[in-house]
All heavy atoms as atom14 arrays in JSON, in Angstrom:
{
  "sequence": "RGALTTFSIANDVAKYFAIIPAMFAGIFPGLQVLNIMQLH",
  "atom14_mask": [
    [1, 1, 1, 1, 1, 1, 1, 1, 1, 1, 1, 0, 0, 0],
    [1, 1, 1, 1, 0, 0, 0, 0, 0, 0, 0, 0, 0, 0],
    [1, 1, 1, 1, 1, 0, 0, 0, 0, 0, 0, 0, 0, 0],
    [1, 1, 1, 1, 1, 1, 1, 1, 0, 0, 0, 0, 0, 0],
    [1, 1, 1, 1, 1, 1, 1, 0, 0, 0, 0, 0, 0, 0],
    [1, 1, 1, 1, 1, 1, 1, 0, 0, 0, 0, 0, 0, 0],
    [1, 1, 1, 1, 1, 1, 1, 1, 1, 1, 1, 0, 0, 0],
    [1, 1, 1, 1, 1, 1, 0, 0, 0, 0, 0, 0, 0, 0],
    [1, 1, 1, 1, 1, 1, 1, 1, 0, 0, 0, 0, 0, 0],
    [1, 1, 1, 1, 1, 0, 0, 0, 0, 0, 0, 0, 0, 0],
    [1, 1, 1, 1, 1, 1, 1, 1, 0, 0, 0, 0, 0, 0],
    [1, 1, 1, 1, 1, 1, 1, 1, 0, 0, 0, 0, 0, 0],
    [1, 1, 1, 1, 1, 1, 1, 0, 0, 0, 0, 0, 0, 0],
    [1, 1, 1, 1, 1, 0, 0, 0, 0, 0, 0, 0, 0, 0],
    [1, 1, 1, 1, 1, 1, 1, 1, 1, 0, 0, 0, 0, 0],
    [1, 1, 1, 1, 1, 1, 1, 1, 1, 1, 1, 1, 0, 0],
    [1, 1, 1, 1, 1, 1, 1, 1, 1, 1, 1, 0, 0, 0],
    [1, 1, 1, 1, 1, 0, 0, 0, 0, 0, 0, 0, 0, 0],
    [1, 1, 1, 1, 1, 1, 1, 1, 0, 0, 0, 0, 0, 0],
    [1, 1, 1, 1, 1, 1, 1, 1, 0, 0, 0, 0, 0, 0],
    [1, 1, 1, 1, 1, 1, 1, 0, 0, 0, 0, 0, 0, 0],
    [1, 1, 1, 1, 1, 0, 0, 0, 0, 0, 0, 0, 0, 0],
    [1, 1, 1, 1, 1, 1, 1, 1, 0, 0, 0, 0, 0, 0],
    [1, 1, 1, 1, 1, 1, 1, 1, 1, 1, 1, 0, 0, 0],
    [1, 1, 1, 1, 1, 0, 0, 0, 0, 0, 0, 0, 0, 0],
    [1, 1, 1, 1, 0, 0, 0, 0, 0, 0, 0, 0, 0, 0],
    [1, 1, 1, 1, 1, 1, 1, 1, 0, 0, 0, 0, 0, 0],
    [1, 1, 1, 1, 1, 1, 1, 1, 1, 1, 1, 0, 0, 0],
    [1, 1, 1, 1, 1, 1, 1, 0, 0, 0, 0, 0, 0, 0],
    [1, 1, 1, 1, 0, 0, 0, 0, 0, 0, 0, 0, 0, 0],
    [1, 1, 1, 1, 1, 1, 1, 1, 0, 0, 0, 0, 0, 0],
    [1, 1, 1, 1, 1, 1, 1, 1, 1, 0, 0, 0, 0, 0],
    [1, 1, 1, 1, 1, 1, 1, 0, 0, 0, 0, 0, 0, 0],
    [1, 1, 1, 1, 1, 1, 1, 1, 0, 0, 0, 0, 0, 0],
    [1, 1, 1, 1, 1, 1, 1, 1, 0, 0, 0, 0, 0, 0],
    [1, 1, 1, 1, 1, 1, 1, 1, 0, 0, 0, 0, 0, 0],
    [1, 1, 1, 1, 1, 1, 1, 1, 0, 0, 0, 0, 0, 0],
    [1, 1, 1, 1, 1, 1, 1, 1, 1, 0, 0, 0, 0, 0],
    [1, 1, 1, 1, 1, 1, 1, 1, 0, 0, 0, 0, 0, 0],
    [1, 1, 1, 1, 1, 1, 1, 1, 1, 1, 0, 0, 0, 0]
  ],
  "atom14_positions": [
    [[0.82, -1.19, 0.03], [0.06, 0.01, -0.02], [0.92, 1.2, 0.05], [0.61, 2.22, -0.78], [-0.87, 0.01, 1.23], [-1.95, 1.13, 1.19], [-2.74, 1.17, 2.49], [-3.47, -0.01, 2.64], [-3.92, -0.53, 3.83], [-3.6, 0.11, 5.04], [-4.67, -1.62, 3.89], [0.0, 0.0, 0.0], [0.0, 0.0, 0.0], [0.0, 0.0, 0.0]],
    [[1.87, 1.27, 0.88], [2.81, 2.41, 0.9], [3.55, 2.59, -0.49], [3.76, 3.8, -0.9], [0.0, 0.0, 0.0], [0.0, 0.0, 0.0], [0.0, 0.0, 0.0], [0.0, 0.0, 0.0], [0.0, 0.0, 0.0], [0.0, 0.0, 0.0], [0.0, 0.0, 0.0], [0.0, 0.0, 0.0], [0.0, 0.0, 0.0], [0.0, 0.0, 0.0]],
    [[4.02, 1.53, -1.05], [4.73, 1.63, -2.32], [3.96, 2.18, -3.39], [4.32, 3.04, -4.18], [5.38, 0.29, -2.59], [0.0, 0.0, 0.0], [0.0, 0.0, 0.0], [0.0, 0.0, 0.0], [0.0, 0.0, 0.0], [0.0, 0.0, 0.0], [0.0, 0.0, 0.0], [0.0, 0.0, 0.0], [0.0, 0.0, 0.0], [0.0, 0.0, 0.0]],
    [[2.7, 1.63, -3.55], [1.89, 2.07, -4.76], [1.35, 3.48, -4.34], [1.03, 4.17, -5.35], [0.68, 1.09, -4.87], [1.13, -0.18, -5.38], [-0.06, -1.11, -5.67], [1.91, -0.08, -6.76], [0.0, 0.0, 0.0], [0.0, 0.0, 0.0], [0.0, 0.0, 0.0], [0.0, 0.0, 0.0], [0.0, 0.0, 0.0], [0.0, 0.0, 0.0]],
    [[1.19, 3.95, -3.12], [0.82, 5.34, -2.83], [1.97, 6.31, -3.38], [1.75, 7.31, -3.84], [0.47, 5.46, -1.34], [-0.63, 4.64, -1.02], [0.19, 6.94, -1.05], [0.0, 0.0, 0.0], [0.0, 0.0, 0.0], [0.0, 0.0, 0.0], [0.0, 0.0, 0.0], [0.0, 0.0, 0.0], [0.0, 0.0, 0.0], [0.0, 0.0, 0.0]],
    [[3.13, 5.89, -2.91], [4.29, 6.69, -3.31], [4.37, 6.77, -4.85], [4.61, 7.87, -5.44], [5.65, 6.02, -2.77], [5.51, 5.93, -1.26], [6.82, 6.79, -3.2], [0.0, 0.0, 0.0], [0.0, 0.0, 0.0], [0.0, 0.0, 0.0], [0.0, 0.0, 0.0], [0.0, 0.0, 0.0], [0.0, 0.0, 0.0], [0.0, 0.0, 0.0]],
    [[4.19, 5.63, -5.58], [4.25, 5.71, -6.94], [3.2, 6.55, -7.57], [3.45, 7.27, -8.5], [4.12, 4.24, -7.53], [4.16, 4.09, -9.03], [5.42, 3.9, -9.56], [3.06, 4.31, -9.79], [5.45, 3.74, -11.0], [3.14, 4.16, -11.18], [4.43, 3.9, -11.75], [0.0, 0.0, 0.0], [0.0, 0.0, 0.0], [0.0, 0.0, 0.0]],
    [[1.94, 6.44, -6.99], [0.8, 7.26, -7.54], [1.09, 8.72, -7.46], [0.75, 9.45, -8.33], [-0.41, 6.85, -6.78], [-1.54, 7.66, -7.22], [0.0, 0.0, 0.0], [0.0, 0.0, 0.0], [0.0, 0.0, 0.0], [0.0, 0.0, 0.0], [0.0, 0.0, 0.0], [0.0, 0.0, 0.0], [0.0, 0.0, 0.0], [0.0, 0.0, 0.0]],
    [[1.56, 9.13, -6.3], [1.74, 10.61, -6.06], [2.97, 11.1, -7.08], [2.83, 12.18, -7.58], [2.08, 10.96, -4.54], [0.82, 10.55, -3.76], [2.51, 12.33, -4.36], [1.01, 10.67, -2.21], [0.0, 0.0, 0.0], [0.0, 0.0, 0.0], [0.0, 0.0, 0.0], [0.0, 0.0, 0.0], [0.0, 0.0, 0.0], [0.0, 0.0, 0.0]],
    [[3.99, 10.33, -7.01], [5.03, 10.68, -7.88], [4.63, 10.59, -9.39], [5.11, 11.53, -10.16], [6.33, 9.72, -7.65], [0.0, 0.0, 0.0], [0.0, 0.0, 0.0], [0.0, 0.0, 0.0], [0.0, 0.0, 0.0], [0.0, 0.0, 0.0], [0.0, 0.0, 0.0], [0.0, 0.0, 0.0], [0.0, 0.0, 0.0], [0.0, 0.0, 0.0]],
    [[3.73, 9.82, -9.68], [3.28, 9.61, -11.04], [2.49, 10.94, -11.42], [2.57, 11.36, -12.67], [2.31, 8.39, -11.11], [1.85, 7.99, -12.4], [2.57, 7.8, -13.34], [0.55, 7.88, -12.57], [0.0, 0.0, 0.0], [0.0, 0.0, 0.0], [0.0, 0.0, 0.0], [0.0, 0.0, 0.0], [0.0, 0.0, 0.0], [0.0, 0.0, 0.0]],
    [[1.72, 11.41, -10.48], [0.89, 12.68, -10.83], [1.87, 13.77, -10.99], [1.49, 14.68, -11.83], [-0.06, 12.97, -9.62], [-1.09, 11.83, -9.52], [-1.43, 11.15, -10.55], [-1.61, 11.67, -8.38], [0.0, 0.0, 0.0], [0.0, 0.0, 0.0], [0.0, 0.0, 0.0], [0.0, 0.0, 0.0], [0.0, 0.0, 0.0], [0.0, 0.0, 0.0]],
    [[2.81, 13.95, -10.26], [3.87, 15.07, -10.42], [4.3, 15.14, -11.89], [4.46, 16.11, -12.47], [5.0, 14.83, -9.44], [6.1, 15.99, -9.61], [4.54, 15.01, -8.06], [0.0, 0.0, 0.0], [0.0, 0.0, 0.0], [0.0, 0.0, 0.0], [0.0, 0.0, 0.0], [0.0, 0.0, 0.0], [0.0, 0.0, 0.0], [0.0, 0.0, 0.0]],
    [[4.7, 14.0, -12.41], [5.23, 13.86, -13.78], [4.28, 14.29, -14.86], [4.57, 14.88, -15.82], [5.75, 12.42, -14.05], [0.0, 0.0, 0.0], [0.0, 0.0, 0.0], [0.0, 0.0, 0.0], [0.0, 0.0, 0.0], [0.0, 0.0, 0.0], [0.0, 0.0, 0.0], [0.0, 0.0, 0.0], [0.0, 0.0, 0.0], [0.0, 0.0, 0.0]],
    [[3.04, 13.97, -14.51], [1.87, 14.31, -15.48], [1.67, 15.82, -15.67], [1.21, 16.3, -16.64], [0.69, 13.53, -15.21], [0.68, 12.06, -15.62], [-0.57, 11.27, -15.26], [-0.79, 11.07, -13.66], [-1.91, 10.2, -13.42], [0.0, 0.0, 0.0], [0.0, 0.0, 0.0], [0.0, 0.0, 0.0], [0.0, 0.0, 0.0], [0.0, 0.0, 0.0]],
    [[2.03, 16.48, -14.56], [1.96, 17.96, -14.6], [2.71, 18.55, -15.78], [2.28, 19.49, -16.52], [2.38, 18.65, -13.33], [1.7, 18.13, -12.07], [2.28, 18.38, -10.81], [0.45, 17.59, -12.05], [1.7, 17.97, -9.66], [-0.17, 17.01, -10.94], [0.49, 17.35, -9.68], [-0.14, 16.91, -8.6], [0.0, 0.0, 0.0], [0.0, 0.0, 0.0]],
    [[4.0, 17.95, -15.91], [4.86, 18.5, -17.01], [4.26, 18.24, -18.42], [4.79, 18.73, -19.34], [6.17, 17.81, -16.83], [7.0, 18.42, -15.64], [6.82, 17.79, -14.46], [7.68, 19.63, -15.78], [7.55, 18.2, -13.44], [8.44, 20.08, -14.75], [8.41, 19.34, -13.44], [0.0, 0.0, 0.0], [0.0, 0.0, 0.0], [0.0, 0.0, 0.0]],
    [[3.3, 17.26, -18.53], [2.67, 16.96, -19.78], [1.48, 17.89, -20.16], [1.39, 18.48, -21.1], [2.23, 15.49, -19.91], [0.0, 0.0, 0.0], [0.0, 0.0, 0.0], [0.0, 0.0, 0.0], [0.0, 0.0, 0.0], [0.0, 0.0, 0.0], [0.0, 0.0, 0.0], [0.0, 0.0, 0.0], [0.0, 0.0, 0.0], [0.0, 0.0, 0.0]],
    [[0.68, 18.1, -19.26], [-0.5, 18.84, -19.32], [-0.49, 20.38, -19.15], [-0.94, 21.06, -20.04], [-1.67, 18.24, -18.52], [-2.01, 16.8, -18.9], [-2.96, 19.21, -18.41], [-3.25, 16.25, -18.36], [0.0, 0.0, 0.0], [0.0, 0.0, 0.0], [0.0, 0.0, 0.0], [0.0, 0.0, 0.0], [0.0, 0.0, 0.0], [0.0, 0.0, 0.0]],
    [[0.14, 20.83, -18.11], [0.22, 22.19, -17.75], [0.86, 23.03, -19.01], [0.28, 23.95, -19.4], [0.94, 22.48, -16.47], [0.28, 21.78, -15.33], [1.13, 23.97, -16.19], [-1.14, 22.3, -15.02], [0.0, 0.0, 0.0], [0.0, 0.0, 0.0], [0.0, 0.0, 0.0], [0.0, 0.0, 0.0], [0.0, 0.0, 0.0], [0.0, 0.0, 0.0]],
    [[1.98, 22.58, -19.48], [2.61, 23.42, -20.65], [1.62, 23.32, -21.89], [1.57, 24.37, -22.57], [3.99, 22.68, -20.87], [4.26, 21.97, -19.62], [2.92, 21.61, -18.97], [0.0, 0.0, 0.0], [0.0, 0.0, 0.0], [0.0, 0.0, 0.0], [0.0, 0.0, 0.0], [0.0, 0.0, 0.0], [0.0, 0.0, 0.0], [0.0, 0.0, 0.0]],
    [[0.98, 22.3, -22.02], [0.19, 22.07, -23.15], [-1.03, 22.98, -23.13], [-1.49, 23.6, -24.1], [-0.34, 20.58, -23.3], [0.0, 0.0, 0.0], [0.0, 0.0, 0.0], [0.0, 0.0, 0.0], [0.0, 0.0, 0.0], [0.0, 0.0, 0.0], [0.0, 0.0, 0.0], [0.0, 0.0, 0.0], [0.0, 0.0, 0.0], [0.0, 0.0, 0.0]],
    [[-1.58, 23.2, -21.94], [-2.71, 23.99, -21.72], [-2.41, 25.61, -21.73], [-3.2, 26.3, -22.34], [-3.39, 23.78, -20.45], [-4.19, 22.32, -20.32], [-4.87, 22.06, -18.73], [-5.95, 23.47, -18.57], [0.0, 0.0, 0.0], [0.0, 0.0, 0.0], [0.0, 0.0, 0.0], [0.0, 0.0, 0.0], [0.0, 0.0, 0.0], [0.0, 0.0, 0.0]],
    [[-1.33, 25.89, -21.23], [-1.05, 27.39, -20.98], [0.1, 27.99, -21.61], [0.47, 29.15, -21.5], [-0.95, 27.63, -19.46], [-2.2, 27.42, -18.66], [-2.34, 26.2, -17.97], [-3.28, 28.2, -18.76], [-3.54, 25.9, -17.28], [-4.39, 27.95, -18.06], [-4.61, 26.79, -17.32], [0.0, 0.0, 0.0], [0.0, 0.0, 0.0], [0.0, 0.0, 0.0]],
    [[0.84, 27.16, -22.41], [2.03, 27.64, -23.11], [1.69, 28.71, -24.05], [2.41, 29.63, -24.41], [2.8, 26.62, -23.74], [0.0, 0.0, 0.0], [0.0, 0.0, 0.0], [0.0, 0.0, 0.0], [0.0, 0.0, 0.0], [0.0, 0.0, 0.0], [0.0, 0.0, 0.0], [0.0, 0.0, 0.0], [0.0, 0.0, 0.0], [0.0, 0.0, 0.0]],
    [[0.56, 28.62, -24.69], [0.07, 29.59, -25.61], [-0.35, 30.92, -24.99], [-0.26, 31.97, -25.63], [0.0, 0.0, 0.0], [0.0, 0.0, 0.0], [0.0, 0.0, 0.0], [0.0, 0.0, 0.0], [0.0, 0.0, 0.0], [0.0, 0.0, 0.0], [0.0, 0.0, 0.0], [0.0, 0.0, 0.0], [0.0, 0.0, 0.0], [0.0, 0.0, 0.0]],
    [[-0.82, 30.89, -23.73], [-1.15, 32.03, -23.0], [0.11, 32.7, -22.35], [0.39, 33.94, -22.33], [-2.17, 31.78, -21.9], [-3.34, 31.01, -22.56], [-2.66, 33.02, -21.22], [-4.37, 30.54, -21.53], [0.0, 0.0, 0.0], [0.0, 0.0, 0.0], [0.0, 0.0, 0.0], [0.0, 0.0, 0.0], [0.0, 0.0, 0.0], [0.0, 0.0, 0.0]],
    [[0.99, 31.79, -21.68], [2.12, 32.16, -21.0], [3.3, 31.52, -21.72], [3.68, 30.41, -21.31], [2.13, 31.93, -19.53], [0.81, 32.41, -18.86], [-0.21, 31.55, -18.55], [0.66, 33.76, -18.58], [-1.36, 32.02, -17.89], [-0.39, 34.26, -17.98], [-1.51, 33.41, -17.66], [0.0, 0.0, 0.0], [0.0, 0.0, 0.0], [0.0, 0.0, 0.0]],
    [[3.92, 32.05, -22.61], [4.99, 31.43, -23.44], [6.19, 30.95, -22.49], [6.83, 30.02, -22.79], [5.45, 32.53, -24.37], [4.26, 33.43, -24.58], [3.58, 33.47, -23.32], [0.0, 0.0, 0.0], [0.0, 0.0, 0.0], [0.0, 0.0, 0.0], [0.0, 0.0, 0.0], [0.0, 0.0, 0.0], [0.0, 0.0, 0.0], [0.0, 0.0, 0.0]],
    [[6.4, 31.67, -21.37], [7.4, 31.26, -20.41], [7.24, 29.81, -19.96], [8.17, 29.23, -19.55], [0.0, 0.0, 0.0], [0.0, 0.0, 0.0], [0.0, 0.0, 0.0], [0.0, 0.0, 0.0], [0.0, 0.0, 0.0], [0.0, 0.0, 0.0], [0.0, 0.0, 0.0], [0.0, 0.0, 0.0], [0.0, 0.0, 0.0], [0.0, 0.0, 0.0]],
    [[6.04, 29.19, -19.99], [5.79, 27.83, -19.53], [6.42, 26.81, -20.49], [6.39, 25.66, -20.24], [4.2, 27.63, -19.39], [3.59, 28.28, -18.11], [2.17, 27.95, -18.2], [4.22, 27.86, -16.83], [0.0, 0.0, 0.0], [0.0, 0.0, 0.0], [0.0, 0.0, 0.0], [0.0, 0.0, 0.0], [0.0, 0.0, 0.0], [0.0, 0.0, 0.0]],
    [[6.73, 27.21, -21.7], [7.23, 26.37, -22.75], [8.46, 25.65, -22.2], [8.84, 24.58, -22.68], [7.53, 27.17, -24.01], [7.79, 26.19, -25.17], [6.64, 25.33, -25.57], [5.52, 25.68, -25.52], [7.01, 24.08, -25.87], [0.0, 0.0, 0.0], [0.0, 0.0, 0.0], [0.0, 0.0, 0.0], [0.0, 0.0, 0.0], [0.0, 0.0, 0.0]],
    [[9.14, 26.24, -21.29], [10.33, 25.73, -20.79], [10.03, 24.37, -20.03], [10.91, 23.53, -19.83], [11.13, 26.66, -19.79], [10.37, 26.87, -18.51], [12.61, 26.23, -19.53], [0.0, 0.0, 0.0], [0.0, 0.0, 0.0], [0.0, 0.0, 0.0], [0.0, 0.0, 0.0], [0.0, 0.0, 0.0], [0.0, 0.0, 0.0], [0.0, 0.0, 0.0]],
    [[8.76, 24.25, -19.57], [8.38, 23.06, -18.76], [8.08, 21.9, -19.67], [7.92, 20.8, -19.17], [7.2, 23.4, -17.84], [7.48, 24.4, -16.79], [6.15, 24.59, -15.97], [8.52, 24.01, -15.82], [0.0, 0.0, 0.0], [0.0, 0.0, 0.0], [0.0, 0.0, 0.0], [0.0, 0.0, 0.0], [0.0, 0.0, 0.0], [0.0, 0.0, 0.0]],
    [[7.99, 22.24, -20.98], [7.49, 21.19, -21.97], [8.79, 20.37, -22.31], [9.31, 20.31, -23.44], [7.03, 21.85, -23.17], [6.38, 20.77, -24.16], [6.15, 19.62, -23.73], [6.21, 21.21, -25.42], [0.0, 0.0, 0.0], [0.0, 0.0, 0.0], [0.0, 0.0, 0.0], [0.0, 0.0, 0.0], [0.0, 0.0, 0.0], [0.0, 0.0, 0.0]],
    [[9.31, 19.8, -21.33], [10.65, 19.01, -21.56], [10.54, 17.74, -22.33], [11.42, 17.22, -22.84], [11.35, 18.7, -20.09], [10.25, 17.74, -19.3], [11.64, 19.88, -19.41], [10.91, 17.43, -17.93], [0.0, 0.0, 0.0], [0.0, 0.0, 0.0], [0.0, 0.0, 0.0], [0.0, 0.0, 0.0], [0.0, 0.0, 0.0], [0.0, 0.0, 0.0]],
    [[9.22, 17.23, -22.38], [9.06, 16.04, -23.29], [8.81, 16.38, -24.76], [8.84, 15.46, -25.57], [7.77, 15.25, -22.8], [8.01, 14.49, -21.54], [6.62, 13.51, -21.11], [5.62, 14.67, -20.16], [0.0, 0.0, 0.0], [0.0, 0.0, 0.0], [0.0, 0.0, 0.0], [0.0, 0.0, 0.0], [0.0, 0.0, 0.0], [0.0, 0.0, 0.0]],
    [[8.78, 17.66, -25.07], [8.53, 18.17, -26.43], [7.37, 17.24, -27.18], [7.63, 16.76, -28.22], [9.86, 18.04, -27.27], [10.96, 18.89, -26.73], [10.68, 20.37, -26.87], [10.26, 20.88, -27.92], [10.75, 21.21, -25.72], [0.0, 0.0, 0.0], [0.0, 0.0, 0.0], [0.0, 0.0, 0.0], [0.0, 0.0, 0.0], [0.0, 0.0, 0.0]],
    [[6.17, 17.38, -26.52], [5.14, 16.56, -27.13], [4.58, 17.31, -28.34], [4.78, 18.52, -28.5], [4.01, 16.49, -26.03], [4.47, 15.74, -24.76], [3.18, 15.78, -23.67], [4.96, 14.39, -24.97], [0.0, 0.0, 0.0], [0.0, 0.0, 0.0], [0.0, 0.0, 0.0], [0.0, 0.0, 0.0], [0.0, 0.0, 0.0], [0.0, 0.0, 0.0]],
    [[4.0, 16.55, -29.18], [3.61, 16.88, -30.54], [2.71, 18.17, -30.59], [2.82, 19.12, -31.3], [2.97, 15.77, -31.23], [2.6, 16.08, -32.7], [1.4, 16.41, -33.16], [3.43, 15.92, -33.86], [1.35, 16.66, -34.4], [2.54, 16.37, -34.87], [0.0, 0.0, 0.0], [0.0, 0.0, 0.0], [0.0, 0.0, 0.0], [0.0, 0.0, 0.0]]
  ]
}
């Protein structure tokens, strides 16, 4: 239970770097630096 809880929370942190830049990079160009995965 502790291991999967740790994985789940860490997992969510990584997903921020996928969605947040995609949503707001057009509004706030400075967020483009967070798009480290260079998604399509």
